[in-house]
PDB file of N, CA and C in Angstrom:
ATOM      1  N   MET A   1       0.479  -0.980  -0.025  1.00  0.00           N
ATOM      2  CA  MET A   1      -0.180   0.058   0.195  1.00  0.00           C
ATOM      3  C   MET A   1       1.022   1.440   0.294  1.00  0.00           C
ATOM      4  N   PHE A   2       1.682   1.599   1.081  1.00  0.00           N
ATOM      5  CA  PHE A   2       2.809   2.498   0.838  1.00  0.00           C
ATOM      6  C   PHE A   2       4.008   2.369   0.081  1.00  0.00           C
ATOM      7  N   GLY A   3       4.128   1.252  -0.816  1.00  0.00           N
ATOM      8  CA  GLY A   3       5.284   1.118  -2.043  1.00  0.00           C
ATOM      9  C   GLY A   3       6.388   0.833  -1.368  1.00  0.00           C
ATOM     10  N   ASN A   4       7.427   1.419  -1.015  1.00  0.00           N
ATOM     11  CA  ASN A   4       8.660   1.224  -0.300  1.00  0.00           C
ATOM     12  C   ASN A   4       8.773   1.732   1.494  1.00  0.00           C
ATOM     13  N   LEU A   5       8.049   2.757   1.610  1.00  0.00           N
ATOM     14  CA  LEU A   5       8.215   2.687   2.884  1.00  0.00           C
ATOM     15  C   LEU A   5       7.665   2.049   4.276  1.00  0.00           C
ATOM     16  N   GLY A   6       8.916   2.177   4.629  1.00  0.00           N
ATOM     17  CA  GLY A   6       8.948   1.340   5.571  1.00  0.00           C
ATOM     18  C   GLY A   6       8.616   1.788   7.339  1.00  0.00           C
ATOM     19  N   PHE A   7       8.690   1.088   8.388  1.00  0.00           N
ATOM     20  CA  PHE A   7       8.497   1.829   9.813  1.00  0.00           C
ATOM     21  C   PHE A   7       9.189   2.983  10.399  1.00  0.00           C
ATOM     22  N   GLY A   8       9.805   3.442   9.854  1.00  0.00           N
ATOM     23  CA  GLY A   8      10.796   4.706   9.924  1.00  0.00           C
ATOM     24  C   GLY A   8      10.578   5.581   9.118  1.00  0.00           C
ATOM     25  N   GLU A   9       9.842   5.723   7.684  1.00  0.00           N
ATOM     26  CA  GLU A   9       9.801   6.692   6.899  1.00  0.00           C
ATOM     27  C   GLU A   9       8.600   7.257   7.426  1.00  0.00           C
ATOM     28  N   LEU A  10       7.387   5.863   7.673  1.00  0.00           N
ATOM     29  CA  LEU A  10       5.691   6.632   8.094  1.00  0.00           C
ATOM     30  C   LEU A  10       6.449   6.980   9.300  1.00  0.00           C
ATOM     31  N   MET A  11       7.350   6.754  10.506  1.00  0.00           N
ATOM     32  CA  MET A  11       6.902   7.724  11.703  1.00  0.00           C
ATOM     33  C   MET A  11       7.467   9.221  11.494  1.00  0.00           C
ATOM     34  N   ILE A  12       8.376   9.462  10.622  1.00  0.00           N
ATOM     35  CA  ILE A  12       8.943  10.881  10.073  1.00  0.00           C
ATOM     36  C   ILE A  12       8.071  11.416   9.379  1.00  0.00           C
ATOM     37  N   ILE A  13       7.290  10.701   8.635  1.00  0.00           N
ATOM     38  CA  ILE A  13       6.085  11.779   8.121  1.00  0.00           C
ATOM     39  C   ILE A  13       5.009  11.739   8.990  1.00  0.00           C
ATOM     40  N   MET A  14       4.554  11.709   9.818  1.00  0.00           N
ATOM     41  CA  MET A  14       3.758  11.581  10.803  1.00  0.00           C
ATOM     42  C   MET A  14       4.171  12.814  11.748  1.00  0.00           C
ATOM     43  N   VAL A  15       5.664  12.575  12.080  1.00  0.00           N
ATOM     44  CA  VAL A  15       5.968  13.493  13.483  1.00  0.00           C
ATOM     45  C   VAL A  15       5.961  15.133  12.287  1.00  0.00           C
ATOM     46  N   ILE A  16       6.047  15.231  10.934  1.00  0.00           N
ATOM     47  CA  ILE A  16       6.033  16.372  10.027  1.00  0.00           C
ATOM     48  C   ILE A  16       4.630  16.467  10.230  1.00  0.00           C
ATOM     49  N   VAL A  17       3.549  16.291   9.958  1.00  0.00           N
ATOM     50  CA  VAL A  17       2.378  16.212   9.991  1.00  0.00           C
ATOM     51  C   VAL A  17       1.903  17.265  11.333  1.00  0.00           C
ATOM     52  N   LEU A  18       2.135  15.822  12.109  1.00  0.00           N
ATOM     53  CA  LEU A  18       2.091  16.405  13.540  1.00  0.00           C
ATOM     54  C   LEU A  18       2.389  18.214  13.868  1.00  0.00           C
ATOM     55  N   VAL A  19       3.747  18.307  13.969  1.00  0.00           N
ATOM     56  CA  VAL A  19       3.945  19.668  13.651  1.00  0.00           C
ATOM     57  C   VAL A  19       4.069  21.121  12.867  1.00  0.00           C
ATOM     58  N   LEU A  20       2.983  20.424  11.807  1.00  0.00           N
ATOM     59  CA  LEU A  20       2.770  21.583  10.876  1.00  0.00           C
ATOM     60  C   LEU A  20       1.129  21.610  11.211  1.00  0.00           C
ATOM     61  N   PHE A  21       0.558  20.719  11.233  1.00  0.00           N
ATOM     62  CA  PHE A  21      -0.914  20.687  11.968  1.00  0.00           C
ATOM     63  C   PHE A  21      -1.043  20.930  13.910  1.00  0.00           C
ATOM     64  N   GLY A  22      -0.719  20.489  14.340  1.00  0.00           N
ATOM     65  CA  GLY A  22      -0.484  20.795  15.583  1.00  0.00           C
ATOM     66  C   GLY A  22      -1.572  19.125  16.059  1.00  0.00           C
ATOM     67  N   ALA A  23      -1.268  19.110  17.117  1.00  0.00           N
ATOM     68  CA  ALA A  23      -2.303  17.858  18.039  1.00  0.00           C
ATOM     69  C   ALA A  23      -3.941  17.592  17.266  1.00  0.00           C
ATOM     70  N   LYS A  24      -4.642  19.245  17.659  1.00  0.00           N
ATOM     71  CA  LYS A  24      -6.037  19.164  17.963  1.00  0.00           C
ATOM     72  C   LYS A  24      -6.399  19.588  16.246  1.00  0.00           C
ATOM     73  N   ARG A  25      -5.891  19.765  15.463  1.00  0.00           N
ATOM     74  CA  ARG A  25      -6.131  19.126  14.149  1.00  0.00           C
ATOM     75  C   ARG A  25      -5.893  18.079  13.445  1.00  0.00           C
ATOM     76  N   VAL A  26      -4.675  17.544  14.048  1.00  0.00           N
ATOM     77  CA  VAL A  26      -4.534  16.043  13.315  1.00  0.00           C
ATOM     78  C   VAL A  26      -5.707  15.390  12.908  1.00  0.00           C
ATOM     79  N   PRO A  27      -6.710  14.580  14.230  1.00  0.00           N
ATOM     80  CA  PRO A  27      -7.916  14.190  14.048  1.00  0.00           C
ATOM     81  C   PRO A  27      -9.185  14.761  13.387  1.00  0.00           C
ATOM     82  N   GLU A  28      -8.902  15.854  13.031  1.00  0.00           N
ATOM     83  CA  GLU A  28     -10.142  16.718  12.373  1.00  0.00           C
ATOM     84  C   GLU A  28      -9.935  16.109  11.032  1.00  0.00           C
ATOM     85  N   ILE A  29      -8.400  16.456  10.885  1.00  0.00           N
ATOM     86  CA  ILE A  29      -7.748  16.294   9.012  1.00  0.00           C
ATOM     87  C   ILE A  29      -7.880  14.462   8.834  1.00  0.00           C
ATOM     88  N   SER A  30      -7.626  13.749   9.877  1.00  0.00           N
ATOM     89  CA  SER A  30      -8.068  12.094   9.636  1.00  0.00           C
ATOM     90  C   SER A  30      -9.745  12.010   9.622  1.00  0.00           C
ATOM     91  N   ALA A  31     -10.079  12.594  10.120  1.00  0.00           N
ATOM     92  CA  ALA A  31     -11.441  12.457   9.641  1.00  0.00           C
ATOM     93  C   ALA A  31     -12.564  12.996   8.824  1.00  0.00           C
ATOM     94  N   SER A  32     -11.890  14.031   8.023  1.00  0.00           N
ATOM     95  CA  SER A  32     -12.217  14.148   7.076  1.00  0.00           C
ATOM     96  C   SER A  32     -11.522  13.963   5.516  1.00  0.00           C
ATOM     97  N   PHE A  33     -10.688  13.064   6.087  1.00  0.00           N
ATOM     98  CA  PHE A  33     -10.252  12.162   4.724  1.00  0.00           C
ATOM     99  C   PHE A  33     -10.316  10.553   4.693  1.00  0.00           C
ATOM    100  N   GLY A  34     -10.800  10.498   5.765  1.00  0.00           N
ATOM    101  CA  GLY A  34     -11.805   9.251   6.287  1.00  0.00           C
ATOM    102  C   GLY A  34     -13.302   9.272   5.364  1.00  0.00           C
ATOM    103  N   LYS A  35     -13.765  10.596   5.718  1.00  0.00           N
ATOM    104  CA  LYS A  35     -15.003  10.812   5.061  1.00  0.00           C
ATOM    105  C   LYS A  35     -15.063  10.697   3.233  1.00  0.00           C
ATOM    106  N   GLY A  36     -13.921  11.205   3.012  1.00  0.00           N
ATOM    107  CA  GLY A  36     -13.659  11.534   1.754  1.00  0.00           C
ATOM    108  C   GLY A  36     -13.613  10.826   0.973  1.00  0.00           C
ATOM    109  N   ILE A  37     -12.373   9.479   1.489  1.00  0.00           N
ATOM    110  CA  ILE A  37     -12.919   8.057   1.075  1.00  0.00           C
ATOM    111  C   ILE A  37     -13.485   7.407   1.056  1.00  0.00           C
ATOM    112  N   ARG A  38     -14.328   7.490   2.004  1.00  0.00           N
ATOM    113  CA  ARG A  38     -15.926   6.456   1.973  1.00  0.00           C
ATOM    114  C   ARG A  38     -16.904   7.134   1.096  1.00  0.00           C
ATOM    115  N   GLU A  39     -17.051   8.980   1.434  1.00  0.00           N
ATOM    116  CA  GLU A  39     -18.027   9.141   0.161  1.00  0.00           C
ATOM    117  C   GLU A  39     -17.475   8.531  -1.426  1.00  0.00           C
ATOM    118  N   PHE A  40     -15.709   8.521  -2.011  1.00  0.00           N
ATOM    119  CA  PHE A  40     -15.471   7.895  -3.060  1.00  0.00           C
ATOM    120  C   PHE A  40     -15.899   7.181  -3.435  1.00  0.00           C
ATOM    121  N   LYS A  41     -15.803   5.929  -2.729  1.00  0.00           N
ATOM    122  CA  LYS A  41     -16.053   4.730  -2.459  1.00  0.00           C
ATOM    123  C   LYS A  41     -17.390   4.452  -2.793  1.00  0.00           C
ATOM    124  N   ARG A  42     -18.501   5.220  -1.765  1.00  0.00           N
ATOM    125  CA  ARG A  42     -19.174   5.269  -2.557  1.00  0.00           C
ATOM    126  C   ARG A  42     -19.975   5.585  -4.083  1.00  0.00           C
ATOM    127  N   ASN A  43     -19.757   6.424  -4.133  1.00  0.00           N
ATOM    128  CA  ASN A  43     -19.982   6.948  -5.403  1.00  0.00           C
ATOM    129  C   ASN A  43     -19.277   6.084  -6.434  1.00  0.00           C
ATOM    130  N   LEU A  44     -18.082   5.216  -6.115  1.00  0.00           N
ATOM    131  CA  LEU A  44     -17.913   4.493  -7.431  1.00  0.00           C
ATOM    132  C   LEU A  44     -18.666   3.265  -7.395  1.00  0.00           C
ATOM    133  N   ASN A  45     -19.071   3.048  -6.463  1.00  0.00           N
ATOM    134  CA  ASN A  45     -20.168   1.490  -6.360  1.00  0.00           C
ATOM    135  C   ASN A  45     -21.507   2.102  -7.215  1.00  0.00           C
ATOM    136  N   ASP A  46     -22.008   3.930  -7.141  1.00  0.00           N
ATOM    137  CA  ASP A  46     -22.972   4.058  -7.433  1.00  0.00           C
ATOM    138  C   ASP A  46     -23.135   3.844  -9.247  1.00  0.00           C
ATOM    139  N   VAL A  47     -21.886   3.889  -9.814  1.00  0.00           N
ATOM    140  CA  VAL A  47     -21.183   4.730 -10.782  1.00  0.00           C
ATOM    141  C   VAL A  47     -21.584   3.199 -10.835  1.00  0.00           C
ATOM    142  N   GLU A  48     -21.270   2.338 -11.145  1.00  0.00           N
ATOM    143  CA  GLU A  48     -20.670   1.020 -11.222  1.00  0.00           C
ATOM    144  C   GLU A  48     -22.178   0.098 -10.932  1.00  0.00           C
ATOM    145  N   ASN A  49     -23.026   0.223 -10.252  1.00  0.00           N
ATOM    146  CA  ASN A  49     -24.616  -0.476 -10.433  1.00  0.00           C
ATOM    147  C   ASN A  49     -25.081   0.473 -10.983  1.00  0.00           C
ATOM    148  N   ALA A  50     -25.015   1.450 -11.877  1.00  0.00           N
ATOM    149  CA  ALA A  50     -25.762   2.216 -13.206  1.00  0.00           C
ATOM    150  C   ALA A  50     -25.298   1.792 -14.009  1.00  0.00           C
ATOM    151  N   VAL A  51     -23.855   1.478 -13.823  1.00  0.00           N
ATOM    152  CA  VAL A  51     -23.490   0.475 -15.330  1.00  0.00           C
ATOM    153  C   VAL A  51     -23.825  -0.836 -16.053  1.00  0.00           C
ATOM    154  N   THR A  52     -23.545  -1.808 -14.478  1.00  0.00           N
ATOM    155  CA  THR A  52     -23.749  -2.803 -14.696  1.00  0.00           C
ATOM    156  C   THR A  52     -25.550  -3.092 -14.812  1.00  0.00           C
ATOM    157  N   GLY A  53     -26.314  -2.431 -14.601  1.00  0.00           N
ATOM    158  CA  GLY A  53     -27.681  -2.132 -14.379  1.00  0.00           C
ATOM    159  C   GLY A  53     -28.271  -1.737 -15.941  1.00  0.00           C
ATOM    160  N   ALA A  54     -28.014  -1.305 -16.535  1.00  0.00           N
ATOM    161  CA  ALA A  54     -27.945  -0.591 -18.013  1.00  0.00           C
ATOM    162  C   ALA A  54     -28.518  -1.484 -19.025  1.00  0.00           C
ATOM    163  N   VAL A  55     -29.582  -1.306 -19.943  1.00  0.00           N
ATOM    164  CA  VAL A  55     -30.002  -1.560 -20.646  1.00  0.00           C
ATOM    165  C   VAL A  55     -29.072  -2.230 -21.742  1.00  0.00           C
ATOM    166  N   ILE A  56     -28.675  -3.397 -22.126  1.00  0.00           N
ATOM    167  CA  ILE A  56     -28.114  -3.560 -23.353  1.00  0.00           C
ATOM    168  C   ILE A  56     -28.806  -3.515 -24.788  1.00  0.00           C
ATOM    169  N   PRO A  57     -28.222  -2.114 -25.692  1.00  0.00           N
ATOM    170  CA  PRO A  57     -29.024  -2.150 -26.866  1.00  0.00           C
ATOM    171  C   PRO A  57     -28.962  -3.599 -27.556  1.00  0.00           C
ATOM    172  N   GLY A  58     -29.953  -3.828 -28.155  1.00  0.00           N
ATOM    173  CA  GLY A  58     -30.584  -5.347 -28.758  1.00  0.00           C
ATOM    174  C   GLY A  58     -31.038  -6.174 -28.081  1.00  0.00           C
ATOM    175  N   ARG A  59     -30.849  -6.296 -26.571  1.00  0.00           N
ATOM    176  CA  ARG A  59     -31.356  -7.178 -25.925  1.00  0.00           C
ATOM    177  C   ARG A  59     -32.985  -6.853 -25.788  1.00  0.00           C
ATOM    178  N   PRO A  60     -33.882  -7.955 -25.485  1.00  0.00           N
ATOM    179  CA  PRO A  60     -35.528  -7.400 -24.962  1.00  0.00           C
ATOM    180  C   PRO A  60     -35.476  -6.864 -23.986  1.00  0.00           C
ATOM    181  N   ASP A  61     -36.797  -6.189 -23.027  1.00  0.00           N
ATOM    182  CA  ASP A  61     -36.513  -6.250 -21.932  1.00  0.00           C
ATOM    183  C   ASP A  61     -37.735  -7.266 -21.336  1.00  0.00           C
ATOM    184  N   ALA A  62     -38.007  -7.947 -21.851  1.00  0.00           N
ATOM    185  CA  ALA A  62     -39.125  -9.072 -21.847  1.00  0.00           C
ATOM    186  C   ALA A  62     -38.321  -9.761 -20.493  1.00  0.00           C
ATOM    187  N   PRO A  63     -39.264 -10.012 -19.618  1.00  0.00           N
ATOM    188  CA  PRO A  63     -39.281 -10.996 -18.211  1.00  0.00           C
ATOM    189  C   PRO A  63     -38.148 -12.551 -18.866  1.00  0.00           C
ATOM    190  N   LEU A  64     -37.825 -12.881 -18.494  1.00  0.00           N
ATOM    191  CA  LEU A  64     -36.880 -14.408 -18.398  1.00  0.00           C
ATOM    192  C   LEU A  64     -38.194 -15.686 -18.446  1.00  0.00           C
ATOM    193  N   GLN A  65     -38.525 -16.239 -19.509  1.00  0.00           N
ATOM    194  CA  GLN A  65     -39.430 -17.650 -19.570  1.00  0.00           C
ATOM    195  C   GLN A  65     -39.041 -19.038 -18.494  1.00  0.00           C
ATOM    196  N   ASP A  66     -39.531 -19.292 -17.885  1.00  0.00           N
ATOM    197  CA  ASP A  66     -39.233 -20.178 -16.910  1.00  0.00           C
ATOM    198  C   ASP A  66     -39.183 -21.860 -18.357  1.00  0.00           C
ATOM    199  N   PRO A  67     -37.712 -21.727 -18.469  1.00  0.00           N
ATOM    200  CA  PRO A  67     -37.343 -23.432 -18.938  1.00  0.00           C
ATOM    201  C   PRO A  67     -37.991 -24.592 -18.681  1.00  0.00           C
ATOM    202  N   TYR A  68     -38.366 -24.703 -17.592  1.00  0.00           N
ATOM    203  CA  TYR A  68     -39.484 -25.780 -17.194  1.00  0.00           C
ATOM    204  C   TYR A  68     -40.685 -25.706 -16.731  1.00  0.00           C
ATOM    205  N   PRO A  69     -41.473 -25.498 -18.257  1.00  0.00           N
ATOM    206  CA  PRO A  69     -42.738 -24.952 -17.448  1.00  0.00           C
ATOM    207  C   PRO A  69     -43.664 -25.997 -16.354  1.00  0.00           C
ATOM    208  N   ARG A  70     -44.307 -25.496 -15.665  1.00  0.00           N
ATOM    209  CA  ARG A  70     -45.197 -26.212 -15.196  1.00  0.00           C
ATOM    210  C   ARG A  70     -46.541 -26.840 -15.710  1.00  0.00           C
ATOM    211  N   PRO A  71     -46.846 -28.135 -15.382  1.00  0.00           N
ATOM    212  CA  PRO A  71     -48.180 -28.728 -16.492  1.00  0.00           C
ATOM    213  C   PRO A  71     -49.507 -27.813 -15.587  1.00  0.00           C
ATOM    214  N   VAL A  72     -50.312 -27.383 -16.872  1.00  0.00           N
ATOM    215  CA  VAL A  72     -51.817 -26.447 -16.177  1.00  0.00           C
ATOM    216  C   VAL A  72     -52.350 -27.815 -15.822  1.00  0.00           C
ATOM    217  N   PRO A  73     -52.977 -27.867 -14.428  1.00  0.00           N
ATOM    218  CA  PRO A  73     -53.938 -28.877 -13.869  1.00  0.00           C
ATOM    219  C   PRO A  73     -55.340 -28.674 -15.300  1.00  0.00           C
ATOM    220  N   GLN A  74     -55.971 -30.100 -15.167  1.00  0.00           N
ATOM    221  CA  GLN A  74     -57.100 -30.112 -16.357  1.00  0.00           C
ATOM    222  C   GLN A  74     -58.215 -29.420 -15.377  1.00  0.00           C
ATOM    223  N   ALA A  75     -58.917 -29.153 -16.183  1.00  0.00           N
ATOM    224  CA  ALA A  75     -60.635 -28.582 -15.694  1.00  0.00           C
ATOM    225  C   ALA A  75     -61.136 -29.965 -14.801  1.00  0.00           C
ATOM    226  N   GLN A  76     -61.311 -30.204 -14.104  1.00  0.00           N
ATOM    227  CA  GLN A  76     -62.388 -30.758 -13.384  1.00  0.00           C
ATOM    228  C   GLN A  76     -63.804 -31.260 -14.340  1.00  0.00           C
ATOM    229  N   ASP A  77     -64.612 -31.831 -14.968  1.00  0.00           N
ATOM    230  CA  ASP A  77     -65.768 -32.939 -15.385  1.00  0.00           C
ATOM    231  C   ASP A  77     -66.840 -31.492 -14.260  1.00  0.00           C
ATOM    232  N   GLU A  78     -67.485 -30.640 -15.039  1.00  0.00           N
ATOM    233  CA  GLU A  78     -68.207 -29.790 -14.143  1.00  0.00           C
ATOM    234  C   GLU A  78     -70.016 -30.385 -14.380  1.00  0.00           C
ATOM    235  N   THR A  79     -69.979 -31.265 -15.596  1.00  0.00           N
ATOM    236  CA  THR A  79     -71.368 -32.105 -15.167  1.00  0.00           C
ATOM    237  C   THR A  79     -71.495 -33.111 -14.249  1.00  0.00           C
ATOM    238  N   ARG A  80     -71.249 -33.199 -13.147  1.00  0.00           N
ATOM    239  CA  ARG A  80     -71.346 -34.154 -12.167  1.00  0.00           C
ATOM    240  C   ARG A  80     -72.217 -34.604 -11.691  1.00  0.00           C
ATOM    241  N   ALA A  81     -73.081 -35.277 -11.621  1.00  0.00           N
ATOM    242  CA  ALA A  81     -74.271 -36.044 -11.214  1.00  0.00           C
ATOM    243  C   ALA A  81     -74.622 -34.978  -9.956  1.00  0.00           C
ATOM    244  N   GLU A  82     -75.735 -34.584  -9.436  1.00  0.00           N
ATOM    245  CA  GLU A  82     -76.231 -33.738  -7.982  1.00  0.00           C
ATOM    246  C   GLU A  82     -76.647 -35.575  -7.810  1.00  0.00           C
ATOM    247  N   PRO A  83     -75.920 -35.049  -5.994  1.00  0.00           N
ATOM    248  CA  PRO A  83     -76.253 -36.576  -5.220  1.00  0.00           C
ATOM    249  C   PRO A  83     -77.638 -36.406  -4.914  1.00  0.00           C
ATOM    250  N   LYS A  84     -78.396 -37.917  -4.877  1.00  0.00           N
ATOM    251  CA  LYS A  84     -79.564 -38.069  -5.175  1.00  0.00           C
ATOM    252  C   LYS A  84     -80.337 -37.801  -3.646  1.00  0.00           C
ATOM    253  N   ARG A  85     -81.449 -37.178  -2.997  1.00  0.00           N
ATOM    254  CA  ARG A  85     -81.705 -36.660  -1.811  1.00  0.00           C
ATOM    255  C   ARG A  85     -82.727 -37.722  -1.578  1.00  0.00           C
ATOM    256  N   LEU A  86     -82.899 -37.892  -0.748  1.00  0.00           N
ATOM    257  CA  LEU A  86     -83.932 -38.695   0.462  1.00  0.00           C
ATOM    258  C   LEU A  86     -85.520 -38.056   0.387  1.00  0.00           C
ATOM    259  N   LEU A  87     -85.577 -36.717   0.507  1.00  0.00           N
ATOM    260  CA  LEU A  87     -87.008 -36.600   0.736  1.00  0.00           C
ATOM    261  C   LEU A  87     -87.216 -35.500  -0.630  1.00  0.00           C
TER     262      LEU A  87
END
């Protein structure tokens, strides 16, 4: 992630940042940096979702058909005889 930077180089950079901005501003700067990265990732995902969800030209928008259609149940005979009544 940091290329060829080792622990010593990172410590020197952190000390320089601390001297330049002060102890009170460093947490504010890191928080705003984190928010910026989070917003960038969210926007990147939004663009990716918009691209993958786009309609491909020449492709119909009809819903997919079931490759294994279920058999339609047969209608029962409606001409059944009425049961005989005793009275």
